[in-house]
Amino acid sequence: VYDLIDHSHRKWNTGLIKGTFEESVAEKILRLPLARLEHEDMLVWRGEPSGVFSAMWDCPVIVEMWNMLNLVWILSQPLLNTREWLTWVFHNGSVDSCRKICCAM
């Protein structure tokens, strides 16, 4: 998501989004509000003891968050890669659920 933002103007990188995603998905992404102030990411999960990261929803904090937001449906799609998963989420989700997902991410 970081690369999809024009950080100097705190706006979406419209050209990159339209060039990366289907039109309907790009429109949904561009309707999502961005945080007014940039902030540091925080580590909430260090991964598995093996060092292998299988899928982002294996993280207990993320699973709990999706449940709290009533967005458990996003866990039903196997994660092939992040781009395909995000495209699937934005294609299948309502504008409201897409906003929640972006804020949660």
Protein backbone atom coordinates (compact mmCIF):
# COMPACT_ATOMS: atom_id res chain seq x y z
CA VAL A 1 0.00 0.00 0.00
CA TYR A 2 2.92 2.34 0.74
CA ASP A 3 3.85 2.56 -2.94
CA LEU A 4 0.28 3.47 -3.90
CA ILE A 5 0.52 6.78 -2.00
CA ASP A 6 2.08 10.05 -3.20
CA HIS A 7 3.67 10.89 0.14
CA SER A 8 4.71 14.44 -0.78
CA HIS A 9 1.03 15.42 -1.23
CA ARG A 10 -0.67 12.76 0.98
CA LYS A 11 -2.79 11.62 -1.98
CA TRP A 12 -3.22 8.36 -3.81
CA ASN A 13 -0.80 7.79 -6.71
CA THR A 14 -3.64 7.81 -9.23
CA GLY A 15 -1.54 6.84 -12.25
CA LEU A 16 -0.01 3.83 -10.53
CA ILE A 17 -3.36 2.65 -9.16
CA LYS A 18 -5.13 2.96 -12.52
CA GLY A 19 -2.21 1.22 -14.23
CA THR A 20 -2.12 -1.64 -11.73
CA PHE A 21 -5.73 -2.52 -10.96
CA GLU A 22 -8.91 -3.10 -12.97
CA GLU A 23 -10.95 0.09 -13.44
CA SER A 24 -13.66 -0.88 -10.93
CA VAL A 25 -11.04 -1.78 -8.30
CA ALA A 26 -9.02 1.38 -8.95
CA GLU A 27 -12.16 3.51 -8.47
CA LYS A 28 -12.82 1.90 -5.09
CA ILE A 29 -9.24 2.41 -3.93
CA LEU A 30 -9.27 6.07 -4.99
CA ARG A 31 -12.45 6.69 -2.96
CA LEU A 32 -10.74 5.58 0.24
CA PRO A 33 -9.63 8.42 2.48
CA LEU A 34 -5.99 8.53 3.53
CA ALA A 35 -4.83 9.43 7.02
CA ARG A 36 -4.04 13.14 7.16
CA LEU A 37 -0.78 12.55 8.97
CA GLU A 38 1.74 9.88 8.08
CA HIS A 39 2.73 7.70 11.01
CA GLU A 40 5.20 4.95 11.72
CA ASP A 41 4.12 1.36 11.26
CA MET A 42 4.17 -0.82 14.34
CA LEU A 43 5.12 -4.46 14.61
CA VAL A 44 2.27 -6.57 15.98
CA TRP A 45 3.53 -10.03 15.04
CA ARG A 46 7.04 -11.35 14.67
CA GLY A 47 6.05 -14.36 12.58
CA GLU A 48 6.39 -18.05 13.18
CA PRO A 49 9.33 -19.58 15.09
CA SER A 50 10.39 -21.28 11.85
CA GLY A 51 10.85 -17.86 10.25
CA VAL A 52 8.43 -18.81 7.47
CA PHE A 53 5.55 -16.43 6.80
CA SER A 54 2.71 -18.41 5.28
CA ALA A 55 -0.12 -15.89 5.00
CA MET A 56 -0.94 -12.58 6.59
CA TRP A 57 -4.08 -13.89 8.25
CA ASP A 58 -2.10 -16.43 10.28
CA CYS A 59 -1.30 -13.54 12.60
CA PRO A 60 -3.62 -13.81 15.63
CA VAL A 61 -3.93 -10.02 15.92
CA ILE A 62 -5.04 -9.71 12.28
CA VAL A 63 -7.57 -12.55 12.58
CA GLU A 64 -9.01 -10.92 15.71
CA MET A 65 -9.17 -7.54 13.96
CA TRP A 66 -11.04 -8.93 10.91
CA ASN A 67 -13.50 -10.61 13.29
CA MET A 68 -14.04 -7.41 15.27
CA LEU A 69 -14.71 -5.49 12.03
CA ASN A 70 -17.12 -8.18 10.78
CA LEU A 71 -14.86 -8.77 7.79
CA VAL A 72 -14.14 -12.44 8.31
CA TRP A 73 -15.17 -13.09 4.68
CA ILE A 74 -11.81 -11.78 3.50
CA LEU A 75 -10.15 -14.83 5.07
CA SER A 76 -12.02 -17.16 2.71
CA GLN A 77 -9.77 -16.45 -0.27
CA PRO A 78 -6.39 -18.17 -0.29
CA LEU A 79 -3.55 -15.69 -0.54
CA LEU A 80 -1.73 -16.26 -3.81
CA ASN A 81 0.08 -12.95 -3.64
CA THR A 82 -0.73 -9.60 -2.11
CA ARG A 83 -1.72 -7.88 -5.36
CA GLU A 84 -4.16 -10.63 -6.38
CA TRP A 85 -5.63 -10.77 -2.88
CA LEU A 86 -6.15 -6.99 -2.70
CA THR A 87 -7.71 -7.01 -6.17
CA TRP A 88 -10.08 -9.79 -5.07
CA VAL A 89 -10.98 -7.93 -1.84
CA PHE A 90 -11.71 -4.63 -3.64
CA HIS A 91 -13.61 -6.35 -6.42
CA ASN A 92 -15.86 -8.27 -4.00
CA GLY A 93 -16.18 -5.83 -1.12
CA SER A 94 -18.52 -2.91 -0.64
CA VAL A 95 -17.08 0.60 -0.46
CA ASP A 96 -17.64 0.54 3.31
CA SER A 97 -15.84 -2.77 3.80
CA CYS A 98 -12.97 -1.62 1.54
CA ARG A 99 -12.57 1.51 3.66
CA LYS A 100 -12.44 -0.59 6.82
CA ILE A 101 -9.86 -2.91 5.28
CA CYS A 102 -7.61 -0.03 4.20
CA CYS A 103 -7.83 1.61 7.60
CA ALA A 104 -7.06 -1.69 9.28
CA MET A 105 -4.05 -2.30 7.06
